[in-house]
C-alpha atoms as a PDB file:
ATOM      1  CA  MET A   1      29.862 -14.313  -8.154  1.00  0.00           C
ATOM      2  CA  ARG A   2      27.816 -12.799 -10.969  1.00  0.00           C
ATOM      3  CA  SER A   3      25.117 -14.553 -12.977  1.00  0.00           C
ATOM      4  CA  SER A   4      22.738 -13.662 -15.803  1.00  0.00           C
ATOM      5  CA  VAL A   5      19.571 -15.718 -15.557  1.00  0.00           C
ATOM      6  CA  THR A   6      17.426 -16.022 -18.676  1.00  0.00           C
ATOM      7  CA  ALA A   7      15.298 -19.062 -17.791  1.00  0.00           C
ATOM      8  CA  TYR A   8      13.100 -19.656 -14.762  1.00  0.00           C
ATOM      9  CA  SER A   9      14.553 -23.160 -14.369  1.00  0.00           C
ATOM     10  CA  ALA A  10      17.992 -21.667 -13.640  1.00  0.00           C
ATOM     11  CA  LEU A  11      16.807 -19.373 -10.858  1.00  0.00           C
ATOM     12  CA  ALA A  12      17.184 -21.684  -7.858  1.00  0.00           C
ATOM     13  CA  SER A  13      20.797 -22.598  -8.537  1.00  0.00           C
ATOM     14  CA  ALA A  14      21.707 -18.985  -9.280  1.00  0.00           C
ATOM     15  CA  THR A  15      20.253 -17.622  -6.026  1.00  0.00           C
ATOM     16  CA  ALA A  16      21.984 -20.357  -4.049  1.00  0.00           C
ATOM     17  CA  SER A  17      25.440 -19.564  -5.413  1.00  0.00           C
ATOM     18  CA  CYS A  18      25.541 -15.957  -6.651  1.00  0.00           C
ATOM     19  CA  THR A  19      25.426 -12.510  -5.070  1.00  0.00           C
ATOM     20  CA  ASP A  20      25.000 -10.485  -8.280  1.00  0.00           C
ATOM     21  CA  LEU A  21      22.012 -11.585 -10.362  1.00  0.00           C
ATOM     22  CA  THR A  22      20.463 -10.201 -13.528  1.00  0.00           C
ATOM     23  CA  LEU A  23      17.049 -11.657 -14.297  1.00  0.00           C
ATOM     24  CA  GLU A  24      16.477 -11.090 -17.998  1.00  0.00           C
ATOM     25  CA  ASN A  25      13.139 -11.720 -19.715  1.00  0.00           C
ATOM     26  CA  ILE A  26      12.140 -14.351 -17.173  1.00  0.00           C
ATOM     27  CA  ALA A  27       8.843 -16.107 -17.898  1.00  0.00           C
ATOM     28  CA  VAL A  28       7.530 -17.497 -14.621  1.00  0.00           C
ATOM     29  CA  PRO A  29       5.271 -20.518 -15.257  1.00  0.00           C
ATOM     30  CA  GLY A  30       1.761 -20.547 -13.871  1.00  0.00           C
ATOM     31  CA  GLY A  31       1.622 -21.969 -10.363  1.00  0.00           C
ATOM     32  CA  GLN A  32       5.224 -20.986  -9.585  1.00  0.00           C
ATOM     33  CA  THR A  33       6.765 -18.186  -7.486  1.00  0.00           C
ATOM     34  CA  LEU A  34       9.771 -16.134  -8.510  1.00  0.00           C
ATOM     35  CA  ASP A  35      11.539 -17.173  -5.345  1.00  0.00           C
ATOM     36  CA  LEU A  36      14.111 -14.680  -4.100  1.00  0.00           C
ATOM     37  CA  SER A  37      13.312 -15.347  -0.455  1.00  0.00           C
ATOM     38  CA  LYS A  38      16.647 -16.900   0.533  1.00  0.00           C
ATOM     39  CA  LEU A  39      19.151 -14.578  -1.108  1.00  0.00           C
ATOM     40  CA  LYS A  40      22.715 -14.660   0.160  1.00  0.00           C
ATOM     41  CA  ALA A  41      23.616 -11.648   2.330  1.00  0.00           C
ATOM     42  CA  GLY A  42      24.662  -8.655   0.257  1.00  0.00           C
ATOM     43  CA  THR A  43      23.058  -9.862  -2.977  1.00  0.00           C
ATOM     44  CA  THR A  44      22.066  -7.466  -5.772  1.00  0.00           C
ATOM     45  CA  VAL A  45      19.197  -8.487  -8.053  1.00  0.00           C
ATOM     46  CA  ARG A  46      18.488  -6.617 -11.304  1.00  0.00           C
ATOM     47  CA  PHE A  47      15.411  -7.063 -13.440  1.00  0.00           C
ATOM     48  CA  ALA A  48      16.018  -6.651 -17.176  1.00  0.00           C
ATOM     49  CA  GLY A  49      13.727  -6.908 -20.175  1.00  0.00           C
ATOM     50  CA  THR A  50      10.166  -8.026 -19.438  1.00  0.00           C
ATOM     51  CA  THR A  51       9.329 -10.373 -16.578  1.00  0.00           C
ATOM     52  CA  THR A  52       6.039 -12.228 -17.088  1.00  0.00           C
ATOM     53  CA  PHE A  53       3.837 -14.613 -15.102  1.00  0.00           C
ATOM     54  CA  GLY A  54       1.663 -17.443 -16.348  1.00  0.00           C
ATOM     55  CA  TYR A  55      -1.890 -17.896 -15.071  1.00  0.00           C
ATOM     56  CA  HIS A  56      -2.749 -20.397 -12.358  1.00  0.00           C
ATOM     57  CA  ASP A  57      -5.785 -20.662 -10.088  1.00  0.00           C
ATOM     58  CA  TRP A  58      -4.066 -20.135  -6.725  1.00  0.00           C
ATOM     59  CA  ASP A  59      -3.510 -17.670  -3.883  1.00  0.00           C
ATOM     60  CA  SER A  60       0.271 -17.611  -3.350  1.00  0.00           C
ATOM     61  CA  ASP A  61       2.632 -14.680  -3.931  1.00  0.00           C
ATOM     62  CA  LEU A  62       4.109 -14.371  -7.400  1.00  0.00           C
ATOM     63  CA  ILE A  63       7.420 -12.927  -6.141  1.00  0.00           C
ATOM     64  CA  ASP A  64       9.023 -13.408  -2.709  1.00  0.00           C
ATOM     65  CA  VAL A  65      12.097 -11.439  -1.637  1.00  0.00           C
ATOM     66  CA  GLY A  66      14.063 -12.038   1.562  1.00  0.00           C
ATOM     67  CA  GLY A  67      17.519 -11.593   3.026  1.00  0.00           C
ATOM     68  CA  THR A  68      19.911  -9.129   4.641  1.00  0.00           C
ATOM     69  CA  ASN A  69      21.605  -6.163   2.966  1.00  0.00           C
ATOM     70  CA  ILE A  70      19.810  -6.875  -0.303  1.00  0.00           C
ATOM     71  CA  THR A  71      19.476  -4.544  -3.308  1.00  0.00           C
ATOM     72  CA  VAL A  72      16.655  -5.107  -5.795  1.00  0.00           C
ATOM     73  CA  THR A  73      16.714  -2.821  -8.819  1.00  0.00           C
ATOM     74  CA  ALA A  74      16.110  -2.763 -12.580  1.00  0.00           C
ATOM     75  CA  GLU A  75      17.857  -1.881 -15.780  1.00  0.00           C
ATOM     76  CA  ALA A  76      16.471   0.958 -17.908  1.00  0.00           C
ATOM     77  CA  GLY A  77      13.236  -0.012 -19.653  1.00  0.00           C
ATOM     78  CA  ALA A  78      12.649  -3.142 -17.592  1.00  0.00           C
ATOM     79  CA  ILE A  79       8.999  -4.100 -17.032  1.00  0.00           C
ATOM     80  CA  ILE A  80       7.570  -6.500 -14.472  1.00  0.00           C
ATOM     81  CA  ASP A  81       4.149  -7.486 -15.831  1.00  0.00           C
ATOM     82  CA  GLY A  82       1.865  -9.333 -13.418  1.00  0.00           C
ATOM     83  CA  ASN A  83      -0.655 -10.538 -16.047  1.00  0.00           C
ATOM     84  CA  GLY A  84      -3.455  -9.215 -13.865  1.00  0.00           C
ATOM     85  CA  GLN A  85      -5.938  -9.425 -16.720  1.00  0.00           C
ATOM     86  CA  SER A  86      -5.974 -13.202 -16.296  1.00  0.00           C
ATOM     87  CA  TRP A  87      -7.266 -12.842 -12.714  1.00  0.00           C
ATOM     88  CA  TRP A  88      -9.251  -9.600 -12.673  1.00  0.00           C
ATOM     89  CA  ASP A  89     -12.968 -10.173 -12.152  1.00  0.00           C
ATOM     90  CA  GLY A  90     -14.068  -7.057 -10.248  1.00  0.00           C
ATOM     91  CA  GLN A  91     -13.966  -8.859  -6.899  1.00  0.00           C
ATOM     92  CA  GLY A  92     -10.290  -8.826  -5.987  1.00  0.00           C
ATOM     93  CA  SER A  93      -9.616 -10.732  -2.773  1.00  0.00           C
ATOM     94  CA  ASN A  94     -13.302 -10.575  -1.774  1.00  0.00           C
ATOM     95  CA  GLY A  95     -14.361 -13.499  -3.936  1.00  0.00           C
ATOM     96  CA  GLY A  96     -14.443 -14.816  -7.465  1.00  0.00           C
ATOM     97  CA  ILE A  97     -11.573 -16.866  -8.778  1.00  0.00           C
ATOM     98  CA  ALA A  98      -8.558 -17.574  -6.573  1.00  0.00           C
ATOM     99  CA  LYS A  99      -5.903 -14.892  -6.947  1.00  0.00           C
ATOM    100  CA  PRO A 100      -2.325 -14.399  -5.757  1.00  0.00           C
ATOM    101  CA  ASP A 101      -2.362 -13.165  -2.156  1.00  0.00           C
ATOM    102  CA  HIS A 102       0.173 -10.468  -2.962  1.00  0.00           C
ATOM    103  CA  PHE A 103       2.207  -9.838  -6.042  1.00  0.00           C
ATOM    104  CA  ILE A 104       5.449  -9.269  -4.110  1.00  0.00           C
ATOM    105  CA  GLY A 105       6.115 -10.442  -0.557  1.00  0.00           C
ATOM    106  CA  VAL A 106       9.073  -8.659   1.074  1.00  0.00           C
ATOM    107  CA  LYS A 107      10.954  -9.534   4.283  1.00  0.00           C
ATOM    108  CA  LEU A 108      14.290  -7.700   4.279  1.00  0.00           C
ATOM    109  CA  LEU A 109      16.730  -6.727   7.012  1.00  0.00           C
ATOM    110  CA  GLY A 110      19.914  -4.706   7.279  1.00  0.00           C
ATOM    111  CA  ASN A 111      20.607  -1.944   4.782  1.00  0.00           C
ATOM    112  CA  SER A 112      18.321  -3.260   2.063  1.00  0.00           C
ATOM    113  CA  VAL A 113      16.972  -1.238  -0.865  1.00  0.00           C
ATOM    114  CA  ILE A 114      14.266  -1.822  -3.477  1.00  0.00           C
ATOM    115  CA  GLN A 115      14.473   0.831  -6.165  1.00  0.00           C
ATOM    116  CA  GLY A 116      13.722   1.717  -9.749  1.00  0.00           C
ATOM    117  CA  LEU A 117      11.098  -0.940 -10.494  1.00  0.00           C
ATOM    118  CA  TYR A 118       8.275  -0.523 -13.005  1.00  0.00           C
ATOM    119  CA  ILE A 119       5.410  -2.918 -12.261  1.00  0.00           C
ATOM    120  CA  GLN A 120       2.183  -3.140 -14.238  1.00  0.00           C
ATOM    121  CA  ASN A 121      -0.986  -5.228 -14.231  1.00  0.00           C
ATOM    122  CA  TYR A 122      -0.574  -6.889 -10.852  1.00  0.00           C
ATOM    123  CA  PRO A 123      -3.546  -9.114  -9.895  1.00  0.00           C
ATOM    124  CA  VAL A 124      -4.500  -7.796  -6.402  1.00  0.00           C
ATOM    125  CA  HIS A 125      -2.366  -6.311  -3.599  1.00  0.00           C
ATOM    126  CA  CYS A 126       1.074  -5.472  -4.932  1.00  0.00           C
ATOM    127  CA  PHE A 127       3.704  -5.107  -2.192  1.00  0.00           C
ATOM    128  CA  SER A 128       3.339  -6.898   1.140  1.00  0.00           C
ATOM    129  CA  ILE A 129       6.232  -5.550   3.215  1.00  0.00           C
ATOM    130  CA  SER A 130       6.334  -7.348   6.556  1.00  0.00           C
ATOM    131  CA  ASN A 131       8.723  -7.908   9.448  1.00  0.00           C
ATOM    132  CA  SER A 132      11.392  -5.780   7.796  1.00  0.00           C
ATOM    133  CA  ALA A 133      13.762  -3.240   9.339  1.00  0.00           C
ATOM    134  CA  GLY A 134      16.050  -0.614   7.871  1.00  0.00           C
ATOM    135  CA  LEU A 135      14.475  -1.019   4.436  1.00  0.00           C
ATOM    136  CA  ILE A 136      14.306   1.758   1.808  1.00  0.00           C
ATOM    137  CA  LEU A 137      11.875   1.567  -1.127  1.00  0.00           C
ATOM    138  CA  GLU A 138      12.254   4.340  -3.695  1.00  0.00           C
ATOM    139  CA  ASN A 139      11.570   5.415  -7.273  1.00  0.00           C
ATOM    140  CA  ILE A 140       9.016   2.681  -7.903  1.00  0.00           C
ATOM    141  CA  ILE A 141       6.104   2.940 -10.344  1.00  0.00           C
ATOM    142  CA  LEU A 142       3.021   0.751  -9.948  1.00  0.00           C
ATOM    143  CA  ASN A 143       0.756   1.092 -12.968  1.00  0.00           C
ATOM    144  CA  ASN A 144      -2.554  -0.737 -12.780  1.00  0.00           C
ATOM    145  CA  THR A 145      -4.525   1.683 -14.965  1.00  0.00           C
ATOM    146  CA  ALA A 146      -5.490  -1.149 -17.326  1.00  0.00           C
ATOM    147  CA  GLY A 147      -7.648  -2.473 -14.476  1.00  0.00           C
ATOM    148  CA  ASN A 148      -9.876   0.622 -14.435  1.00  0.00           C
ATOM    149  CA  ALA A 149     -11.963  -0.661 -17.340  1.00  0.00           C
ATOM    150  CA  PRO A 150     -14.620  -3.355 -16.805  1.00  0.00           C
ATOM    151  CA  ASN A 151     -14.156  -6.774 -18.355  1.00  0.00           C
ATOM    152  CA  ASN A 152     -16.536  -9.622 -19.157  1.00  0.00           C
ATOM    153  CA  ARG A 153     -16.336 -10.923 -15.546  1.00  0.00           C
ATOM    154  CA  SER A 154     -16.629  -7.700 -13.542  1.00  0.00           C
ATOM    155  CA  ASP A 155     -20.336  -6.863 -14.052  1.00  0.00           C
ATOM    156  CA  GLY A 156     -19.645  -3.314 -15.191  1.00  0.00           C
ATOM    157  CA  LEU A 157     -17.210  -2.543 -12.368  1.00  0.00           C
ATOM    158  CA  PRO A 158     -13.487  -1.871 -12.785  1.00  0.00           C
ATOM    159  CA  ALA A 159     -11.910  -5.237 -13.473  1.00  0.00           C
ATOM    160  CA  ALA A 160      -9.102  -4.743 -10.926  1.00  0.00           C
ATOM    161  CA  HIS A 161     -10.072  -4.594  -7.237  1.00  0.00           C
ATOM    162  CA  ASN A 162      -8.226  -4.654  -3.869  1.00  0.00           C
ATOM    163  CA  THR A 163      -5.105  -3.506  -5.667  1.00  0.00           C
ATOM    164  CA  ASP A 164      -3.258  -1.877  -2.739  1.00  0.00           C
ATOM    165  CA  GLY A 165       0.076  -0.452  -3.763  1.00  0.00           C
ATOM    166  CA  PHE A 166       2.207  -0.840  -0.638  1.00  0.00           C
ATOM    167  CA  ASP A 167       0.943  -2.760   2.421  1.00  0.00           C
ATOM    168  CA  ILE A 168       3.335  -2.323   5.361  1.00  0.00           C
ATOM    169  CA  SER A 169       3.058  -4.417   8.530  1.00  0.00           C
ATOM    170  CA  GLY A 170       5.352  -5.287  11.425  1.00  0.00           C
ATOM    171  CA  CYS A 171       8.149  -3.087  10.062  1.00  0.00           C
ATOM    172  CA  ASN A 172      10.595  -0.809  11.857  1.00  0.00           C
ATOM    173  CA  ASN A 173      12.591   2.141  10.543  1.00  0.00           C
ATOM    174  CA  THR A 174      11.278   1.744   7.015  1.00  0.00           C
ATOM    175  CA  ILE A 175      11.245   4.443   4.306  1.00  0.00           C
ATOM    176  CA  LEU A 176       9.026   4.545   1.212  1.00  0.00           C
ATOM    177  CA  ARG A 177       9.707   7.549  -1.012  1.00  0.00           C
ATOM    178  CA  ASP A 178       9.463   9.162  -4.432  1.00  0.00           C
ATOM    179  CA  SER A 179       7.130   6.588  -5.954  1.00  0.00           C
ATOM    180  CA  SER A 180       3.899   6.590  -7.990  1.00  0.00           C
ATOM    181  CA  VAL A 181       0.858   4.373  -7.671  1.00  0.00           C
ATOM    182  CA  TYR A 182      -2.006   4.171 -10.184  1.00  0.00           C
ATOM    183  CA  ASN A 183      -4.511   1.705  -8.770  1.00  0.00           C
ATOM    184  CA  GLN A 184      -7.967   0.942  -7.368  1.00  0.00           C
ATOM    185  CA  ASP A 185      -7.344   0.666  -3.585  1.00  0.00           C
ATOM    186  CA  ASP A 186      -5.018   2.054  -0.895  1.00  0.00           C
ATOM    187  CA  CYS A 187      -1.964   3.759  -2.299  1.00  0.00           C
ATOM    188  CA  VAL A 188      -0.160   2.966   0.954  1.00  0.00           C
ATOM    189  CA  ALA A 189      -1.629   1.129   3.951  1.00  0.00           C
ATOM    190  CA  VAL A 190       0.300   0.806   7.212  1.00  0.00           C
ATOM    191  CA  THR A 191      -1.315  -1.768   9.492  1.00  0.00           C
ATOM    192  CA  SER A 192       1.402  -2.220  12.151  1.00  0.00           C
ATOM    193  CA  GLY A 193       4.954  -1.166  12.852  1.00  0.00           C
ATOM    194  CA  ASN A 194       7.043   1.707  14.178  1.00  0.00           C
ATOM    195  CA  GLY A 195       9.183   4.420  12.668  1.00  0.00           C
ATOM    196  CA  ILE A 196       7.811   4.438   9.119  1.00  0.00           C
ATOM    197  CA  THR A 197       8.236   7.399   6.734  1.00  0.00           C
ATOM    198  CA  VAL A 198       6.246   7.766   3.501  1.00  0.00           C
ATOM    199  CA  ASN A 199       7.492  10.737   1.475  1.00  0.00           C
ATOM    200  CA  GLY A 200       7.011  12.071  -2.028  1.00  0.00           C
ATOM    201  CA  MET A 201       4.201   9.780  -3.153  1.00  0.00           C
ATOM    202  CA  TYR A 202       1.980  10.347  -6.185  1.00  0.00           C
ATOM    203  CA  CYS A 203      -1.295   8.447  -5.768  1.00  0.00           C
ATOM    204  CA  ASP A 204      -3.901   8.337  -8.545  1.00  0.00           C
ATOM    205  CA  GLY A 205      -7.196   6.479  -8.599  1.00  0.00           C
ATOM    206  CA  GLY A 206      -7.137   4.589  -5.306  1.00  0.00           C
ATOM    207  CA  HIS A 207      -8.136   5.020  -1.669  1.00  0.00           C
ATOM    208  CA  GLY A 208      -5.416   7.349  -0.396  1.00  0.00           C
ATOM    209  CA  LEU A 209      -2.694   7.205   2.260  1.00  0.00           C
ATOM    210  CA  SER A 210      -4.007   4.998   5.046  1.00  0.00           C
ATOM    211  CA  ILE A 211      -3.380   3.766   8.535  1.00  0.00           C
ATOM    212  CA  GLY A 212      -5.327   0.550   8.899  1.00  0.00           C
ATOM    213  CA  SER A 213      -7.489  -1.040   9.165  1.00  0.00           C
ATOM    214  CA  ILE A 214      -6.348  -1.681  12.737  1.00  0.00           C
ATOM    215  CA  GLY A 215      -7.723  -4.310  15.112  1.00  0.00           C
ATOM    216  CA  GLY A 216      -8.378  -8.033  15.098  1.00  0.00           C
ATOM    217  CA  LYS A 217      -4.973  -8.984  13.709  1.00  0.00           C
ATOM    218  CA  SER A 218      -1.851 -10.509  15.227  1.00  0.00           C
ATOM    219  CA  ASN A 219      -0.211  -7.068  15.554  1.00  0.00           C
ATOM    220  CA  ASN A 220      -2.447  -4.064  16.149  1.00  0.00           C
ATOM    221  CA  ASN A 221       0.059  -1.378  17.137  1.00  0.00           C
ATOM    222  CA  VAL A 222       1.065   1.443  14.768  1.00  0.00           C
ATOM    223  CA  THR A 223       3.388   4.143  16.098  1.00  0.00           C
ATOM    224  CA  ASN A 224       5.490   6.990  14.737  1.00  0.00           C
ATOM    225  CA  VAL A 225       4.400   7.081  11.108  1.00  0.00           C
ATOM    226  CA  LEU A 226       4.962  10.151   8.910  1.00  0.00           C
ATOM    227  CA  PHE A 227       3.235  10.812   5.578  1.00  0.00           C
ATOM    228  CA  GLU A 228       4.571  13.922   3.866  1.00  0.00           C
ATOM    229  CA  ASN A 229       5.067  15.836   0.620  1.00  0.00           C
ATOM    230  CA  SER A 230       2.597  13.776  -1.385  1.00  0.00           C
ATOM    231  CA  VAL A 231      -0.210  14.155  -3.933  1.00  0.00           C
ATOM    232  CA  ILE A 232      -3.461  12.181  -3.910  1.00  0.00           C
ATOM    233  CA  LEU A 233      -5.881  12.631  -6.789  1.00  0.00           C
ATOM    234  CA  ASN A 234      -8.932  10.982  -8.327  1.00  0.00           C
ATOM    235  CA  SER A 235      -9.172   8.880  -5.183  1.00  0.00           C
ATOM    236  CA  GLN A 236     -11.841   7.911  -2.674  1.00  0.00           C
ATOM    237  CA  ASN A 237      -9.933   9.340   0.303  1.00  0.00           C
ATOM    238  CA  GLY A 238      -6.987  11.555   1.121  1.00  0.00           C
ATOM    239  CA  ALA A 239      -5.538  11.101   4.624  1.00  0.00           C
ATOM    240  CA  ARG A 240      -7.215   8.145   6.329  1.00  0.00           C
ATOM    241  CA  ILE A 241      -7.112   6.270   9.649  1.00  0.00           C
ATOM    242  CA  LYS A 242      -9.530   3.366  10.073  1.00  0.00           C
ATOM    243  CA  THR A 243     -10.010   0.857  12.872  1.00  0.00           C
ATOM    244  CA  ASN A 244     -12.171  -2.215  13.194  1.00  0.00           C
ATOM    245  CA  TYR A 245     -15.278  -2.446  15.342  1.00  0.00           C
ATOM    246  CA  ASN A 246     -15.043  -4.185  18.749  1.00  0.00           C
ATOM    247  CA  THR A 247     -11.323  -4.886  18.495  1.00  0.00           C
ATOM    248  CA  THR A 248      -8.288  -3.576  20.367  1.00  0.00           C
ATOM    249  CA  GLY A 249      -5.145  -1.797  19.249  1.00  0.00           C
ATOM    250  CA  TYR A 250      -2.993   1.296  19.581  1.00  0.00           C
ATOM    251  CA  VAL A 251      -2.380   4.047  17.016  1.00  0.00           C
ATOM    252  CA  ALA A 252      -0.086   6.885  18.111  1.00  0.00           C
ATOM    253  CA  GLY A 253       2.363   9.412  16.754  1.00  0.00           C
ATOM    254  CA  ILE A 254       0.853   9.649  13.268  1.00  0.00           C
ATOM    255  CA  ALA A 255       1.576  12.762  11.188  1.00  0.00           C
ATOM    256  CA  TYR A 256       0.370  13.902   7.787  1.00  0.00           C
ATOM    257  CA  GLN A 257       1.986  17.055   6.406  1.00  0.00           C
ATOM    258  CA  ASN A 258       2.124  18.871   3.080  1.00  0.00           C
ATOM    259  CA  ILE A 259      -0.456  16.684   1.355  1.00  0.00           C
ATOM    260  CA  THR A 260      -2.322  17.848  -1.772  1.00  0.00           C
ATOM    261  CA  VAL A 261      -5.634  16.193  -2.621  1.00  0.00           C
ATOM    262  CA  SER A 262      -7.738  16.592  -5.751  1.00  0.00           C
ATOM    263  CA  ASN A 263     -11.068  15.192  -6.929  1.00  0.00           C
ATOM    264  CA  ILE A 264     -11.689  13.149  -3.765  1.00  0.00           C
ATOM    265  CA  SER A 265     -14.952  11.192  -3.908  1.00  0.00           C
ATOM    266  CA  ASN A 266     -15.510  10.120  -0.255  1.00  0.00           C
ATOM    267  CA  TYR A 267     -13.437  11.859   2.446  1.00  0.00           C
ATOM    268  CA  GLY A 268     -10.623  14.384   2.267  1.00  0.00           C
ATOM    269  CA  ILE A 269      -9.590  13.612   5.839  1.00  0.00           C
ATOM    270  CA  ASP A 270     -11.094  10.495   7.382  1.00  0.00           C
ATOM    271  CA  ILE A 271     -10.751   8.958  10.848  1.00  0.00           C
ATOM    272  CA  GLN A 272     -13.222   6.115  11.483  1.00  0.00           C
ATOM    273  CA  GLN A 273     -13.629   3.509  14.221  1.00  0.00           C
ATOM    274  CA  ASP A 274     -16.588   1.630  12.809  1.00  0.00           C
ATOM    275  CA  TYR A 275     -15.220  -0.867  10.302  1.00  0.00           C
ATOM    276  CA  LEU A 276     -16.825  -4.306  10.296  1.00  0.00           C
ATOM    277  CA  ASN A 277     -16.384  -6.954   7.610  1.00  0.00           C
ATOM    278  CA  GLY A 278     -14.449  -4.486   5.487  1.00  0.00           C
ATOM    279  CA  GLY A 279     -16.924  -1.619   5.520  1.00  0.00           C
ATOM    280  CA  PRO A 280     -18.153   1.223   7.734  1.00  0.00           C
ATOM    281  CA  THR A 281     -21.267   0.741   9.861  1.00  0.00           C
ATOM    282  CA  GLY A 282     -21.752   4.217  11.347  1.00  0.00           C
ATOM    283  CA  THR A 283     -21.432   2.808  14.872  1.00  0.00           C
ATOM    284  CA  PRO A 284     -17.923   3.288  16.341  1.00  0.00           C
ATOM    285  CA  SER A 285     -16.266   1.295  19.102  1.00  0.00           C
ATOM    286  CA  SER A 286     -13.536   2.401  21.494  1.00  0.00           C
ATOM    287  CA  GLY A 287     -11.209  -0.597  21.798  1.00  0.00           C
ATOM    288  CA  VAL A 288      -8.508   0.837  19.528  1.00  0.00           C
ATOM    289  CA  ILE A 289      -6.810   3.882  21.050  1.00  0.00           C
ATOM    290  CA  ILE A 290      -5.931   6.670  18.595  1.00  0.00           C
ATOM    291  CA  THR A 291      -3.750   9.420  20.075  1.00  0.00           C
ATOM    292  CA  ASN A 292      -1.162  12.035  19.132  1.00  0.00           C
ATOM    293  CA  ILE A 293      -2.374  12.621  15.576  1.00  0.00           C
ATOM    294  CA  THR A 294      -1.005  15.662  13.745  1.00  0.00           C
ATOM    295  CA  MET A 295      -2.228  16.954  10.396  1.00  0.00           C
ATOM    296  CA  THR A 296      -0.611  20.028   8.862  1.00  0.00           C
ATOM    297  CA  ASP A 297      -0.916  21.736   5.472  1.00  0.00           C
ATOM    298  CA  ILE A 298      -3.424  19.436   3.835  1.00  0.00           C
ATOM    299  CA  HIS A 299      -5.207  21.164   1.009  1.00  0.00           C
ATOM    300  CA  GLY A 300      -7.152  20.580  -2.181  1.00  0.00           C
ATOM    301  CA  THR A 301     -10.592  19.650  -3.469  1.00  0.00           C
ATOM    302  CA  ALA A 302     -13.304  17.058  -3.020  1.00  0.00           C
ATOM    303  CA  GLU A 303     -16.374  16.260  -5.093  1.00  0.00           C
ATOM    304  CA  SER A 304     -19.682  17.819  -4.011  1.00  0.00           C
ATOM    305  CA  SER A 305     -20.980  14.394  -2.938  1.00  0.00           C
ATOM    306  CA  ALA A 306     -17.969  13.857  -0.660  1.00  0.00           C
ATOM    307  CA  LYS A 307     -17.182  15.079   2.840  1.00  0.00           C
ATOM    308  CA  ASP A 308     -14.121  17.269   3.199  1.00  0.00           C
ATOM    309  CA  TYR A 309     -13.669  16.047   6.793  1.00  0.00           C
ATOM    310  CA  TYR A 310     -15.071  13.064   8.681  1.00  0.00           C
ATOM    311  CA  ILE A 311     -14.123  11.956  12.206  1.00  0.00           C
ATOM    312  CA  LEU A 312     -16.101   9.173  13.897  1.00  0.00           C
ATOM    313  CA  CYS A 313     -14.461   8.030  17.136  1.00  0.00           C
ATOM    314  CA  GLY A 314     -15.648   5.745  19.892  1.00  0.00           C
ATOM    315  CA  SER A 315     -16.259   7.044  23.387  1.00  0.00           C
ATOM    316  CA  GLY A 316     -12.985   8.264  24.894  1.00  0.00           C
ATOM    317  CA  SER A 317     -10.758   6.419  22.424  1.00  0.00           C
ATOM    318  CA  CYS A 318      -9.439   9.423  20.456  1.00  0.00           C
ATOM    319  CA  SER A 319      -7.253  12.133  22.001  1.00  0.00           C
ATOM    320  CA  ASP A 320      -4.539  14.673  21.282  1.00  0.00           C
ATOM    321  CA  PHE A 321      -5.486  15.538  17.711  1.00  0.00           C
ATOM    322  CA  THR A 322      -3.792  18.699  16.362  1.00  0.00           C
ATOM    323  CA  PHE A 323      -4.794  20.008  12.927  1.00  0.00           C
ATOM    324  CA  ASN A 324      -3.386  23.196  11.371  1.00  0.00           C
ATOM    325  CA  ASP A 325      -3.448  24.789   7.924  1.00  0.00           C
ATOM    326  CA  ILE A 326      -6.139  22.454   6.630  1.00  0.00           C
ATOM    327  CA  ASN A 327      -8.094  23.625   3.580  1.00  0.00           C
ATOM    328  CA  ILE A 328     -10.073  21.069   1.597  1.00  0.00           C
ATOM    329  CA  THR A 329     -13.078  22.447  -0.274  1.00  0.00           C
ATOM    330  CA  GLY A 330     -15.918  21.218  -2.453  1.00  0.00           C
ATOM    331  CA  GLY A 331     -17.475  18.586  -0.204  1.00  0.00           C
ATOM    332  CA  THR A 332     -20.590  18.877   1.963  1.00  0.00           C
ATOM    333  CA  ASN A 333     -21.980  17.686   5.305  1.00  0.00           C
ATOM    334  CA  ASP A 334     -18.692  17.425   7.187  1.00  0.00           C
ATOM    335  CA  SER A 335     -18.995  15.551  10.481  1.00  0.00           C
ATOM    336  CA  CYS A 336     -16.560  15.317  13.402  1.00  0.00           C
ATOM    337  CA  ASN A 337     -17.470  13.929  16.820  1.00  0.00           C
ATOM    338  CA  VAL A 338     -13.999  14.911  18.069  1.00  0.00           C
ATOM    339  CA  GLN A 339     -12.720  18.439  17.547  1.00  0.00           C
ATOM    340  CA  PRO A 340      -8.936  18.656  17.095  1.00  0.00           C
ATOM    341  CA  THR A 341      -6.964  21.516  18.587  1.00  0.00           C
ATOM    342  CA  GLY A 342      -5.274  24.023  16.263  1.00  0.00           C
ATOM    343  CA  ASP A 343      -6.839  26.332  13.707  1.00  0.00           C
ATOM    344  CA  PHE A 344      -8.991  23.586  12.138  1.00  0.00           C
ATOM    345  CA  MET A 345     -12.773  23.721  12.216  1.00  0.00           C
ATOM    346  CA  CYS A 346     -14.767  20.748  11.024  1.00  0.00           C
END
């Protein structure tokens, strides 16, 4: 059954009875979630027009999507506008006013696809993709450039903060491809899961393509993740693996290949085991094992104040690193306490 939904009040009945939904110019009231978490198997959801969200002082997701064999897509010109300006205060999820935990929470199984979405002005983390399998996300644009400017609450800092593009956890056989992220934090962050491919990403303004941080969570295993054919520019980091101090976990089978970086301000390649309370301490621990890491054909430029390469591992916790065809220039004072095999020299 097909349904065109034009009012938020009609959403619940439509999702309960229909398998082909068009959500057109939906205005979600403040304090409410666009609840697509219990879609009937095989449902297609299309966004049309402009979807908006009213302000409310709370920390719940603004959109939840769940089901099996689901397709979420958009008509040409559709915009999903998160009204981030109402929440942005330069602190993100670290403090300030209460903010939505994630903009979109996703738990999808079967042959599910999310494609063709244009999302702007999301408050903090955008996609939280968890406990999903067989999911494909493709041709998505996340545009949070309006959050680069300070506002009257951010004390001179960019108003948007902690604006991760895609956070992936507890997922299996998941593909993210051919998408663009303009933000102020991780472009993609994989914190647990197996068999994840990230391909064809364009990342501007954030913290790069990341594994982690790992350790101290309910699931601390990340295996068989491939980042490839991507561009990272005007960002703090390029390729990044970070683990938390005095915790345990397992990171293995991670590959970065054919990655271009430009204008990196902190680290071109970064592997750190010293995170505590969200920041590096300079003192690594060895409880999280990092092994079988391959980096190939990573090239580009860093700022003079940055490090092209930085590896800080705990005692005996890092092994089987192979780096080839690595050429990042412009930074200074590179530091690696583990030397990978291959033609790479730190």
